[in-house]
Amino acid sequence: MKPSHLAILRLLALLFLLPGLGGLIVSAFISTSYLDSLPRTPAPDELRIIPRNIHGVVIYQTEQEDRRLNTFEYSSVGVFVVGLALGLVYLERWGNVRSSELELEEDDLSPVGSK
């Protein structure tokens, strides 16, 4: 594999890993803010009837808040997993290239009559 292909693969892995991780951090902040600001009992007059368990505490949110946080969490996990998979492919390909380079170096260093 060409070094330029490895660089592109590494870049793609980072372009998915970092936003995915950032999205997970933002969704954790949103959950924490929900824990601090949303009621712990249903509030039908505010349409806060959808339960969510955050660190063992049940809070009640609207359907829109639930959908928005779920979408953000699941899409962040998906982006992160794609980046993780690309990173693993990159590491495997990098290892293969490095291994073949080391074999070539060993062949160059071996004595002439040893083969």
PDB file of N, CA and C in Angstrom:
ATOM      1  N   MET A   1       0.844  -1.178   0.000  1.00  0.00           N
ATOM      2  CA  MET A   1       0.000   0.000   0.000  1.00  0.00           C
ATOM      3  C   MET A   1       0.884   1.233   0.000  1.00  0.00           C
ATOM      4  N   LYS A   2       0.514   2.201  -0.786  1.00  0.00           N
ATOM      5  CA  LYS A   2       1.291   3.432  -0.901  1.00  0.00           C
ATOM      6  C   LYS A   2       1.182   4.248   0.389  1.00  0.00           C
ATOM      7  N   PRO A   3       2.250   4.958   0.734  1.00  0.00           N
ATOM      8  CA  PRO A   3       2.195   5.813   1.927  1.00  0.00           C
ATOM      9  C   PRO A   3       1.100   6.873   1.841  1.00  0.00           C
ATOM     10  N   SER A   4       0.802   7.349   0.625  1.00  0.00           N
ATOM     11  CA  SER A   4      -0.251   8.361   0.502  1.00  0.00           C
ATOM     12  C   SER A   4      -1.621   7.775   0.847  1.00  0.00           C
ATOM     13  N   HIS A   5      -1.836   6.501   0.505  1.00  0.00           N
ATOM     14  CA  HIS A   5      -3.103   5.852   0.867  1.00  0.00           C
ATOM     15  C   HIS A   5      -3.211   5.675   2.378  1.00  0.00           C
ATOM     16  N   LEU A   6      -2.089   5.348   3.003  1.00  0.00           N
ATOM     17  CA  LEU A   6      -2.092   5.228   4.465  1.00  0.00           C
ATOM     18  C   LEU A   6      -2.401   6.571   5.121  1.00  0.00           C
ATOM     19  N   ALA A   7      -1.844   7.631   4.595  1.00  0.00           N
ATOM     20  CA  ALA A   7      -2.093   8.965   5.159  1.00  0.00           C
ATOM     21  C   ALA A   7      -3.567   9.340   5.013  1.00  0.00           C
ATOM     22  N   ILE A   8      -4.152   9.020   3.872  1.00  0.00           N
ATOM     23  CA  ILE A   8      -5.579   9.318   3.659  1.00  0.00           C
ATOM     24  C   ILE A   8      -6.435   8.504   4.612  1.00  0.00           C
ATOM     25  N   LEU A   9      -6.086   7.225   4.793  1.00  0.00           N
ATOM     26  CA  LEU A   9      -6.840   6.365   5.708  1.00  0.00           C
ATOM     27  C   LEU A   9      -6.745   6.887   7.138  1.00  0.00           C
ATOM     28  N   ARG A  10      -5.560   7.318   7.553  1.00  0.00           N
ATOM     29  CA  ARG A  10      -5.383   7.873   8.894  1.00  0.00           C
ATOM     30  C   ARG A  10      -6.201   9.152   9.061  1.00  0.00           C
ATOM     31  N   LEU A  11      -6.185  10.002   8.033  1.00  0.00           N
ATOM     32  CA  LEU A  11      -6.951  11.245   8.084  1.00  0.00           C
ATOM     33  C   LEU A  11      -8.450  10.966   8.192  1.00  0.00           C
ATOM     34  N   LEU A  12      -8.947  10.013   7.398  1.00  0.00           N
ATOM     35  CA  LEU A  12     -10.375   9.664   7.468  1.00  0.00           C
ATOM     36  C   LEU A  12     -10.741   9.124   8.844  1.00  0.00           C
ATOM     37  N   ALA A  13      -9.866   8.291   9.408  1.00  0.00           N
ATOM     38  CA  ALA A  13     -10.135   7.755  10.746  1.00  0.00           C
ATOM     39  C   ALA A  13     -10.258   8.890  11.758  1.00  0.00           C
ATOM     40  N   LEU A  14      -9.337   9.842  11.691  1.00  0.00           N
ATOM     41  CA  LEU A  14      -9.394  10.972  12.623  1.00  0.00           C
ATOM     42  C   LEU A  14     -10.602  11.861  12.368  1.00  0.00           C
ATOM     43  N   LEU A  15     -10.971  12.014  11.087  1.00  0.00           N
ATOM     44  CA  LEU A  15     -12.124  12.856  10.757  1.00  0.00           C
ATOM     45  C   LEU A  15     -13.437  12.266  11.261  1.00  0.00           C
ATOM     46  N   PHE A  16     -13.473  10.970  11.504  1.00  0.00           N
ATOM     47  CA  PHE A  16     -14.659  10.359  12.088  1.00  0.00           C
ATOM     48  C   PHE A  16     -14.525  10.205  13.602  1.00  0.00           C
ATOM     49  N   LEU A  17     -13.344   9.837  14.078  1.00  0.00           N
ATOM     50  CA  LEU A  17     -13.158   9.620  15.513  1.00  0.00           C
ATOM     51  C   LEU A  17     -13.379  10.887  16.340  1.00  0.00           C
ATOM     52  N   LEU A  18     -12.756  11.961  15.929  1.00  0.00           N
ATOM     53  CA  LEU A  18     -12.804  13.180  16.743  1.00  0.00           C
ATOM     54  C   LEU A  18     -14.201  13.794  16.833  1.00  0.00           C
ATOM     55  N   PRO A  19     -14.936  13.954  15.710  1.00  0.00           N
ATOM     56  CA  PRO A  19     -16.308  14.466  15.850  1.00  0.00           C
ATOM     57  C   PRO A  19     -17.218  13.505  16.620  1.00  0.00           C
ATOM     58  N   GLY A  20     -17.004  12.199  16.430  1.00  0.00           N
ATOM     59  CA  GLY A  20     -17.809  11.235  17.178  1.00  0.00           C
ATOM     60  C   GLY A  20     -17.578  11.356  18.670  1.00  0.00           C
ATOM     61  N   LEU A  21     -16.315  11.472  19.052  1.00  0.00           N
ATOM     62  CA  LEU A  21     -15.985  11.652  20.463  1.00  0.00           C
ATOM     63  C   LEU A  21     -16.518  12.983  20.984  1.00  0.00           C
ATOM     64  N   GLY A  22     -16.383  14.018  20.180  1.00  0.00           N
ATOM     65  CA  GLY A  22     -16.926  15.323  20.569  1.00  0.00           C
ATOM     66  C   GLY A  22     -18.435  15.277  20.758  1.00  0.00           C
ATOM     67  N   GLY A  23     -19.125  14.570  19.859  1.00  0.00           N
ATOM     68  CA  GLY A  23     -20.578  14.427  19.989  1.00  0.00           C
ATOM     69  C   GLY A  23     -20.975  13.678  21.243  1.00  0.00           C
ATOM     70  N   LEU A  24     -20.194  12.665  21.601  1.00  0.00           N
ATOM     71  CA  LEU A  24     -20.483  11.932  22.841  1.00  0.00           C
ATOM     72  C   LEU A  24     -20.283  12.822  24.065  1.00  0.00           C
ATOM     73  N   ILE A  25     -19.279  13.660  24.021  1.00  0.00           N
ATOM     74  CA  ILE A  25     -19.040  14.579  25.145  1.00  0.00           C
ATOM     75  C   ILE A  25     -20.169  15.600  25.239  1.00  0.00           C
ATOM     76  N   VAL A  26     -20.593  16.133  24.100  1.00  0.00           N
ATOM     77  CA  VAL A  26     -21.700  17.104  24.104  1.00  0.00           C
ATOM     78  C   VAL A  26     -22.982  16.457  24.604  1.00  0.00           C
ATOM     79  N   SER A  27     -23.255  15.214  24.185  1.00  0.00           N
ATOM     80  CA  SER A  27     -24.475  14.552  24.660  1.00  0.00           C
ATOM     81  C   SER A  27     -24.406  14.280  26.160  1.00  0.00           C
ATOM     82  N   ALA A  28     -23.208  14.042  26.685  1.00  0.00           N
ATOM     83  CA  ALA A  28     -23.068  13.888  28.142  1.00  0.00           C
ATOM     84  C   ALA A  28     -23.366  15.204  28.850  1.00  0.00           C
ATOM     85  N   PHE A  29     -22.925  16.319  28.273  1.00  0.00           N
ATOM     86  CA  PHE A  29     -23.244  17.623  28.860  1.00  0.00           C
ATOM     87  C   PHE A  29     -24.745  17.902  28.803  1.00  0.00           C
ATOM     88  N   ILE A  30     -25.385  17.535  27.700  1.00  0.00           N
ATOM     89  CA  ILE A  30     -26.832  17.727  27.583  1.00  0.00           C
ATOM     90  C   ILE A  30     -27.555  16.901  28.635  1.00  0.00           C
ATOM     91  N   SER A  31     -27.135  15.633  28.812  1.00  0.00           N
ATOM     92  CA  SER A  31     -27.752  14.782  29.831  1.00  0.00           C
ATOM     93  C   SER A  31     -27.594  15.377  31.215  1.00  0.00           C
ATOM     94  N   THR A  32     -26.414  15.895  31.492  1.00  0.00           N
ATOM     95  CA  THR A  32     -26.169  16.510  32.801  1.00  0.00           C
ATOM     96  C   THR A  32     -27.035  17.746  32.994  1.00  0.00           C
ATOM     97  N   SER A  33     -27.190  18.532  31.933  1.00  0.00           N
ATOM     98  CA  SER A  33     -28.047  19.715  32.066  1.00  0.00           C
ATOM     99  C   SER A  33     -29.503  19.298  32.237  1.00  0.00           C
ATOM    100  N   TYR A  34     -29.918  18.218  31.571  1.00  0.00           N
ATOM    101  CA  TYR A  34     -31.277  17.701  31.775  1.00  0.00           C
ATOM    102  C   TYR A  34     -31.448  17.259  33.225  1.00  0.00           C
ATOM    103  N   LEU A  35     -30.434  16.612  33.768  1.00  0.00           N
ATOM    104  CA  LEU A  35     -30.512  16.139  35.152  1.00  0.00           C
ATOM    105  C   LEU A  35     -30.691  17.299  36.116  1.00  0.00           C
ATOM    106  N   ASP A  36     -30.058  18.412  35.826  1.00  0.00           N
ATOM    107  CA  ASP A  36     -30.145  19.585  36.709  1.00  0.00           C
ATOM    108  C   ASP A  36     -31.431  20.384  36.525  1.00  0.00           C
ATOM    109  N   SER A  37     -31.996  20.364  35.299  1.00  0.00           N
ATOM    110  CA  SER A  37     -33.090  21.302  35.026  1.00  0.00           C
ATOM    111  C   SER A  37     -34.469  20.665  34.839  1.00  0.00           C
ATOM    112  N   LEU A  38     -34.546  19.398  34.517  1.00  0.00           N
ATOM    113  CA  LEU A  38     -35.849  18.786  34.237  1.00  0.00           C
ATOM    114  C   LEU A  38     -36.448  18.167  35.497  1.00  0.00           C
ATOM    115  N   PRO A  39     -37.779  18.077  35.539  1.00  0.00           N
ATOM    116  CA  PRO A  39     -38.443  17.566  36.746  1.00  0.00           C
ATOM    117  C   PRO A  39     -38.228  16.073  36.944  1.00  0.00           C
ATOM    118  N   ARG A  40     -38.308  15.670  38.212  1.00  0.00           N
ATOM    119  CA  ARG A  40     -38.140  14.255  38.555  1.00  0.00           C
ATOM    120  C   ARG A  40     -39.480  13.535  38.700  1.00  0.00           C
ATOM    121  N   THR A  41     -40.530  14.259  38.463  1.00  0.00           N
ATOM    122  CA  THR A  41     -41.879  13.666  38.419  1.00  0.00           C
ATOM    123  C   THR A  41     -42.537  14.118  37.125  1.00  0.00           C
ATOM    124  N   PRO A  42     -43.449  13.330  36.593  1.00  0.00           N
ATOM    125  CA  PRO A  42     -44.104  13.734  35.335  1.00  0.00           C
ATOM    126  C   PRO A  42     -44.811  15.079  35.489  1.00  0.00           C
ATOM    127  N   ALA A  43     -44.725  15.887  34.446  1.00  0.00           N
ATOM    128  CA  ALA A  43     -45.390  17.195  34.421  1.00  0.00           C
ATOM    129  C   ALA A  43     -46.241  17.250  33.149  1.00  0.00           C
ATOM    130  N   PRO A  44     -47.453  16.663  33.211  1.00  0.00           N
ATOM    131  CA  PRO A  44     -48.282  16.593  31.999  1.00  0.00           C
ATOM    132  C   PRO A  44     -48.646  17.958  31.427  1.00  0.00           C
ATOM    133  N   ASP A  45     -48.767  18.978  32.268  1.00  0.00           N
ATOM    134  CA  ASP A  45     -49.105  20.306  31.759  1.00  0.00           C
ATOM    135  C   ASP A  45     -47.982  20.882  30.889  1.00  0.00           C
ATOM    136  N   GLU A  46     -46.717  20.442  31.088  1.00  0.00           N
ATOM    137  CA  GLU A  46     -45.581  20.867  30.264  1.00  0.00           C
ATOM    138  C   GLU A  46     -45.225  19.811  29.209  1.00  0.00           C
ATOM    139  N   LEU A  47     -46.032  18.743  29.144  1.00  0.00           N
ATOM    140  CA  LEU A  47     -45.802  17.608  28.242  1.00  0.00           C
ATOM    141  C   LEU A  47     -44.505  16.862  28.569  1.00  0.00           C
ATOM    142  N   ARG A  48     -44.060  16.943  29.803  1.00  0.00           N
ATOM    143  CA  ARG A  48     -42.862  16.225  30.242  1.00  0.00           C
ATOM    144  C   ARG A  48     -43.296  14.905  30.882  1.00  0.00           C
ATOM    145  N   ILE A  49     -43.523  13.918  30.008  1.00  0.00           N
ATOM    146  CA  ILE A  49     -44.020  12.622  30.482  1.00  0.00           C
ATOM    147  C   ILE A  49     -43.127  11.463  30.023  1.00  0.00           C
ATOM    148  N   ILE A  50     -42.091  11.740  29.233  1.00  0.00           N
ATOM    149  CA  ILE A  50     -41.196  10.699  28.747  1.00  0.00           C
ATOM    150  C   ILE A  50     -40.059  10.536  29.761  1.00  0.00           C
ATOM    151  N   PRO A  51     -39.944   9.349  30.397  1.00  0.00           N
ATOM    152  CA  PRO A  51     -38.887   9.172  31.407  1.00  0.00           C
ATOM    153  C   PRO A  51     -37.522   8.923  30.764  1.00  0.00           C
ATOM    154  N   ARG A  52     -36.479   9.356  31.445  1.00  0.00           N
ATOM    155  CA  ARG A  52     -35.093   9.059  31.059  1.00  0.00           C
ATOM    156  C   ARG A  52     -34.300   8.849  32.342  1.00  0.00           C
ATOM    157  N   ASN A  53     -33.574   7.747  32.369  1.00  0.00           N
ATOM    158  CA  ASN A  53     -32.745   7.425  33.523  1.00  0.00           C
ATOM    159  C   ASN A  53     -31.345   7.967  33.267  1.00  0.00           C
ATOM    160  N   ILE A  54     -30.919   8.904  34.102  1.00  0.00           N
ATOM    161  CA  ILE A  54     -29.576   9.483  34.000  1.00  0.00           C
ATOM    162  C   ILE A  54     -28.875   9.253  35.328  1.00  0.00           C
ATOM    163  N   HIS A  55     -27.890   8.381  35.315  1.00  0.00           N
ATOM    164  CA  HIS A  55     -27.111   8.037  36.511  1.00  0.00           C
ATOM    165  C   HIS A  55     -28.004   7.594  37.672  1.00  0.00           C
ATOM    166  N   GLY A  56     -29.009   6.813  37.361  1.00  0.00           N
ATOM    167  CA  GLY A  56     -29.880   6.285  38.399  1.00  0.00           C
ATOM    168  C   GLY A  56     -30.996   7.215  38.834  1.00  0.00           C
ATOM    169  N   VAL A  57     -31.078   8.389  38.255  1.00  0.00           N
ATOM    170  CA  VAL A  57     -32.133   9.353  38.580  1.00  0.00           C
ATOM    171  C   VAL A  57     -33.052   9.457  37.371  1.00  0.00           C
ATOM    172  N   VAL A  58     -34.347   9.286  37.594  1.00  0.00           N
ATOM    173  CA  VAL A  58     -35.314   9.374  36.505  1.00  0.00           C
ATOM    174  C   VAL A  58     -35.804  10.815  36.410  1.00  0.00           C
ATOM    175  N   ILE A  59     -35.659  11.361  35.206  1.00  0.00           N
ATOM    176  CA  ILE A  59     -36.191  12.698  34.926  1.00  0.00           C
ATOM    177  C   ILE A  59     -37.251  12.539  33.836  1.00  0.00           C
ATOM    178  N   TYR A  60     -38.082  13.545  33.689  1.00  0.00           N
ATOM    179  CA  TYR A  60     -39.149  13.492  32.684  1.00  0.00           C
ATOM    180  C   TYR A  60     -38.951  14.627  31.694  1.00  0.00           C
ATOM    181  N   GLN A  61     -39.028  14.267  30.421  1.00  0.00           N
ATOM    182  CA  GLN A  61     -38.764  15.212  29.341  1.00  0.00           C
ATOM    183  C   GLN A  61     -39.877  15.154  28.310  1.00  0.00           C
ATOM    184  N   THR A  62     -39.857  16.105  27.407  1.00  0.00           N
ATOM    185  CA  THR A  62     -40.837  16.096  26.318  1.00  0.00           C
ATOM    186  C   THR A  62     -40.378  15.098  25.254  1.00  0.00           C
ATOM    187  N   GLU A  63     -41.294  14.748  24.374  1.00  0.00           N
ATOM    188  CA  GLU A  63     -40.960  13.822  23.288  1.00  0.00           C
ATOM    189  C   GLU A  63     -39.885  14.415  22.385  1.00  0.00           C
ATOM    190  N   GLN A  64     -39.948  15.717  22.134  1.00  0.00           N
ATOM    191  CA  GLN A  64     -38.958  16.377  21.286  1.00  0.00           C
ATOM    192  C   GLN A  64     -37.567  16.350  21.924  1.00  0.00           C
ATOM    193  N   GLU A  65     -37.487  16.610  23.230  1.00  0.00           N
ATOM    194  CA  GLU A  65     -36.195  16.550  23.925  1.00  0.00           C
ATOM    195  C   GLU A  65     -35.620  15.142  23.885  1.00  0.00           C
ATOM    196  N   ASP A  66     -36.482  14.159  24.079  1.00  0.00           N
ATOM    197  CA  ASP A  66     -36.049  12.761  24.038  1.00  0.00           C
ATOM    198  C   ASP A  66     -35.522  12.394  22.655  1.00  0.00           C
ATOM    199  N   ARG A  67     -36.255  12.765  21.616  1.00  0.00           N
ATOM    200  CA  ARG A  67     -35.852  12.445  20.245  1.00  0.00           C
ATOM    201  C   ARG A  67     -34.543  13.137  19.893  1.00  0.00           C
ATOM    202  N   ARG A  68     -34.403  14.401  20.288  1.00  0.00           N
ATOM    203  CA  ARG A  68     -33.191  15.154  19.961  1.00  0.00           C
ATOM    204  C   ARG A  68     -31.961  14.547  20.634  1.00  0.00           C
ATOM    205  N   LEU A  69     -32.072  14.201  21.911  1.00  0.00           N
ATOM    206  CA  LEU A  69     -30.929  13.623  22.623  1.00  0.00           C
ATOM    207  C   LEU A  69     -30.606  12.223  22.099  1.00  0.00           C
ATOM    208  N   ASN A  70     -31.634  11.418  21.830  1.00  0.00           N
ATOM    209  CA  ASN A  70     -31.401  10.084  21.267  1.00  0.00           C
ATOM    210  C   ASN A  70     -30.698  10.171  19.912  1.00  0.00           C
ATOM    211  N   THR A  71     -31.169  11.060  19.060  1.00  0.00           N
ATOM    212  CA  THR A  71     -30.557  11.218  17.739  1.00  0.00           C
ATOM    213  C   THR A  71     -29.108  11.652  17.869  1.00  0.00           C
ATOM    214  N   PHE A  72     -28.841  12.577  18.748  1.00  0.00           N
ATOM    215  CA  PHE A  72     -27.479  13.076  18.942  1.00  0.00           C
ATOM    216  C   PHE A  72     -26.574  11.972  19.481  1.00  0.00           C
ATOM    217  N   GLU A  73     -27.061  11.221  20.477  1.00  0.00           N
ATOM    218  CA  GLU A  73     -26.254  10.151  21.058  1.00  0.00           C
ATOM    219  C   GLU A  73     -25.969   9.053  20.039  1.00  0.00           C
ATOM    220  N   TYR A  74     -27.010   8.565  19.362  1.00  0.00           N
ATOM    221  CA  TYR A  74     -26.834   7.443  18.444  1.00  0.00           C
ATOM    222  C   TYR A  74     -26.006   7.833  17.226  1.00  0.00           C
ATOM    223  N   SER A  75     -26.192   9.035  16.712  1.00  0.00           N
ATOM    224  CA  SER A  75     -25.380   9.439  15.558  1.00  0.00           C
ATOM    225  C   SER A  75     -23.921   9.636  15.974  1.00  0.00           C
ATOM    226  N   SER A  76     -23.672  10.140  17.164  1.00  0.00           N
ATOM    227  CA  SER A  76     -22.296  10.293  17.648  1.00  0.00           C
ATOM    228  C   SER A  76     -21.626   8.936  17.815  1.00  0.00           C
ATOM    229  N   VAL A  77     -22.347   7.984  18.355  1.00  0.00           N
ATOM    230  CA  VAL A  77     -21.795   6.634  18.504  1.00  0.00           C
ATOM    231  C   VAL A  77     -21.505   6.042  17.132  1.00  0.00           C
ATOM    232  N   GLY A  78     -22.408   6.221  16.177  1.00  0.00           N
ATOM    233  CA  GLY A  78     -22.197   5.693  14.832  1.00  0.00           C
ATOM    234  C   GLY A  78     -20.969   6.282  14.168  1.00  0.00           C
ATOM    235  N   VAL A  79     -20.817   7.601  14.253  1.00  0.00           N
ATOM    236  CA  VAL A  79     -19.656   8.268  13.659  1.00  0.00           C
ATOM    237  C   VAL A  79     -18.379   7.792  14.339  1.00  0.00           C
ATOM    238  N   PHE A  80     -18.411   7.661  15.664  1.00  0.00           N
ATOM    239  CA  PHE A  80     -17.238   7.197  16.406  1.00  0.00           C
ATOM    240  C   PHE A  80     -16.870   5.771  16.013  1.00  0.00           C
ATOM    241  N   VAL A  81     -17.851   4.897  15.868  1.00  0.00           N
ATOM    242  CA  VAL A  81     -17.577   3.499  15.498  1.00  0.00           C
ATOM    243  C   VAL A  81     -16.988   3.416  14.089  1.00  0.00           C
ATOM    244  N   VAL A  82     -17.487   4.227  13.169  1.00  0.00           N
ATOM    245  CA  VAL A  82     -16.904   4.252  11.814  1.00  0.00           C
ATOM    246  C   VAL A  82     -15.439   4.687  11.902  1.00  0.00           C
ATOM    247  N   GLY A  83     -15.160   5.715  12.672  1.00  0.00           N
ATOM    248  CA  GLY A  83     -13.781   6.166  12.854  1.00  0.00           C
ATOM    249  C   GLY A  83     -12.909   5.116  13.502  1.00  0.00           C
ATOM    250  N   LEU A  84     -13.462   4.399  14.470  1.00  0.00           N
ATOM    251  CA  LEU A  84     -12.727   3.333  15.133  1.00  0.00           C
ATOM    252  C   LEU A  84     -12.402   2.213  14.149  1.00  0.00           C
ATOM    253  N   ALA A  85     -13.367   1.845  13.328  1.00  0.00           N
ATOM    254  CA  ALA A  85     -13.136   0.802  12.328  1.00  0.00           C
ATOM    255  C   ALA A  85     -12.072   1.242  11.324  1.00  0.00           C
ATOM    256  N   LEU A  86     -12.155   2.475  10.853  1.00  0.00           N
ATOM    257  CA  LEU A  86     -11.139   2.981   9.932  1.00  0.00           C
ATOM    258  C   LEU A  86      -9.764   3.029  10.594  1.00  0.00           C
ATOM    259  N   GLY A  87      -9.729   3.381  11.859  1.00  0.00           N
ATOM    260  CA  GLY A  87      -8.466   3.393  12.597  1.00  0.00           C
ATOM    261  C   GLY A  87      -7.866   2.007  12.722  1.00  0.00           C
ATOM    262  N   LEU A  88      -8.701   1.019  12.964  1.00  0.00           N
ATOM    263  CA  LEU A  88      -8.205  -0.359  13.058  1.00  0.00           C
ATOM    264  C   LEU A  88      -7.690  -0.857  11.708  1.00  0.00           C
ATOM    265  N   VAL A  89      -8.393  -0.512  10.631  1.00  0.00           N
ATOM    266  CA  VAL A  89      -7.921  -0.874   9.291  1.00  0.00           C
ATOM    267  C   VAL A  89      -6.587  -0.192   9.019  1.00  0.00           C
ATOM    268  N   TYR A  90      -6.484   1.078   9.384  1.00  0.00           N
ATOM    269  CA  TYR A  90      -5.231   1.805   9.194  1.00  0.00           C
ATOM    270  C   TYR A  90      -4.094   1.117   9.950  1.00  0.00           C
ATOM    271  N   LEU A  91      -4.311   0.780  11.206  1.00  0.00           N
ATOM    272  CA  LEU A  91      -3.256   0.151  11.998  1.00  0.00           C
ATOM    273  C   LEU A  91      -2.845  -1.198  11.410  1.00  0.00           C
ATOM    274  N   GLU A  92      -3.810  -1.956  10.914  1.00  0.00           N
ATOM    275  CA  GLU A  92      -3.495  -3.256  10.317  1.00  0.00           C
ATOM    276  C   GLU A  92      -2.678  -3.067   9.047  1.00  0.00           C
ATOM    277  N   ARG A  93      -3.085  -2.146   8.201  1.00  0.00           N
ATOM    278  CA  ARG A  93      -2.348  -1.889   6.952  1.00  0.00           C
ATOM    279  C   ARG A  93      -0.963  -1.302   7.251  1.00  0.00           C
ATOM    280  N   TRP A  94      -0.882  -0.401   8.214  1.00  0.00           N
ATOM    281  CA  TRP A  94       0.397   0.183   8.588  1.00  0.00           C
ATOM    282  C   TRP A  94       1.336  -0.901   9.097  1.00  0.00           C
ATOM    283  N   GLY A  95       0.799  -1.830   9.898  1.00  0.00           N
ATOM    284  CA  GLY A  95       1.608  -2.937  10.405  1.00  0.00           C
ATOM    285  C   GLY A  95       2.119  -3.821   9.281  1.00  0.00           C
ATOM    286  N   ASN A  96       1.280  -4.084   8.292  1.00  0.00           N
ATOM    287  CA  ASN A  96       1.720  -4.892   7.154  1.00  0.00           C
ATOM    288  C   ASN A  96       2.829  -4.198   6.375  1.00  0.00           C
ATOM    289  N   VAL A  97       2.668  -2.910   6.117  1.00  0.00           N
ATOM    290  CA  VAL A  97       3.686  -2.152   5.387  1.00  0.00           C
ATOM    291  C   VAL A  97       4.985  -2.126   6.175  1.00  0.00           C
ATOM    292  N   ARG A  98       4.879  -1.864   7.463  1.00  0.00           N
ATOM    293  CA  ARG A  98       6.077  -1.802   8.310  1.00  0.00           C
ATOM    294  C   ARG A  98       6.764  -3.161   8.378  1.00  0.00           C
ATOM    295  N   SER A  99       6.007  -4.222   8.464  1.00  0.00           N
ATOM    296  CA  SER A  99       6.573  -5.568   8.504  1.00  0.00           C
ATOM    297  C   SER A  99       7.321  -5.896   7.221  1.00  0.00           C
ATOM    298  N   SER A 100       6.738  -5.549   6.080  1.00  0.00           N
ATOM    299  CA  SER A 100       7.417  -5.816   4.814  1.00  0.00           C
ATOM    300  C   SER A 100       8.678  -4.954   4.682  1.00  0.00           C
ATOM    301  N   GLU A 101       8.646  -3.723   5.206  1.00  0.00           N
ATOM    302  CA  GLU A 101       9.841  -2.878   5.180  1.00  0.00           C
ATOM    303  C   GLU A 101      10.950  -3.487   6.029  1.00  0.00           C
ATOM    304  N   LEU A 102      10.608  -4.024   7.190  1.00  0.00           N
ATOM    305  CA  LEU A 102      11.604  -4.643   8.060  1.00  0.00           C
ATOM    306  C   LEU A 102      12.184  -5.901   7.431  1.00  0.00           C
ATOM    307  N   GLU A 103      11.362  -6.675   6.734  1.00  0.00           N
ATOM    308  CA  GLU A 103      11.860  -7.870   6.052  1.00  0.00           C
ATOM    309  C   GLU A 103      12.848  -7.492   4.961  1.00  0.00           C
ATOM    310  N   LEU A 104      12.556  -6.419   4.230  1.00  0.00           N
ATOM    311  CA  LEU A 104      13.481  -5.963   3.192  1.00  0.00           C
ATOM    312  C   LEU A 104      14.795  -5.495   3.803  1.00  0.00           C
ATOM    313  N   GLU A 105      14.731  -4.815   4.940  1.00  0.00           N
ATOM    314  CA  GLU A 105      15.944  -4.367   5.618  1.00  0.00           C
ATOM    315  C   GLU A 105      16.764  -5.553   6.083  1.00  0.00           C
ATOM    316  N   GLU A 106      16.103  -6.579   6.631  1.00  0.00           N
ATOM    317  CA  GLU A 106      16.819  -7.772   7.079  1.00  0.00           C
ATOM    318  C   GLU A 106      17.487  -8.478   5.912  1.00  0.00           C
ATOM    319  N   ASP A 107      16.796  -8.541   4.772  1.00  0.00           N
ATOM    320  CA  ASP A 107      17.388  -9.170   3.586  1.00  0.00           C
ATOM    321  C   ASP A 107      18.612  -8.401   3.126  1.00  0.00           C
ATOM    322  N   ASP A 108      18.581  -7.087   3.198  1.00  0.00           N
ATOM    323  CA  ASP A 108      19.714  -6.268   2.787  1.00  0.00           C
ATOM    324  C   ASP A 108      20.888  -6.427   3.745  1.00  0.00           C
ATOM    325  N   LEU A 109      20.637  -6.706   5.011  1.00  0.00           N
ATOM    326  CA  LEU A 109      21.697  -6.805   6.001  1.00  0.00           C
ATOM    327  C   LEU A 109      22.271  -8.209   6.135  1.00  0.00           C
ATOM    328  N   SER A 110      21.587  -9.209   5.581  1.00  0.00           N
ATOM    329  CA  SER A 110      22.062 -10.589   5.751  1.00  0.00           C
ATOM    330  C   SER A 110      23.309 -10.810   4.896  1.00  0.00           C
ATOM    331  N   PRO A 111      24.215 -11.684   5.384  1.00  0.00           N
ATOM    332  CA  PRO A 111      25.438 -11.979   4.615  1.00  0.00           C
ATOM    333  C   PRO A 111      25.097 -12.596   3.258  1.00  0.00           C
ATOM    334  N   VAL A 112      25.964 -12.393   2.288  1.00  0.00           N
ATOM    335  CA  VAL A 112      25.713 -12.802   0.904  1.00  0.00           C
ATOM    336  C   VAL A 112      25.525 -14.307   0.786  1.00  0.00           C
ATOM    337  N   GLY A 113      26.295 -15.099   1.444  1.00  0.00           N
ATOM    338  CA  GLY A 113      26.234 -16.543   1.277  1.00  0.00           C
ATOM    339  C   GLY A 113      25.273 -17.240   2.221  1.00  0.00           C
ATOM    340  N   SER A 114      24.468 -16.522   2.979  1.00  0.00           N
ATOM    341  CA  SER A 114      23.604 -17.171   3.983  1.00  0.00           C
ATOM    342  C   SER A 114      22.325 -17.723   3.380  1.00  0.00           C
ATOM    343  N   LYS A 115      21.978 -17.361   2.177  1.00  0.00           N
ATOM    344  CA  LYS A 115      20.723 -17.835   1.602  1.00  0.00           C
ATOM    345  C   LYS A 115      20.905 -19.037   0.779  1.00  0.00           C
TER     346      LYS A 115
END
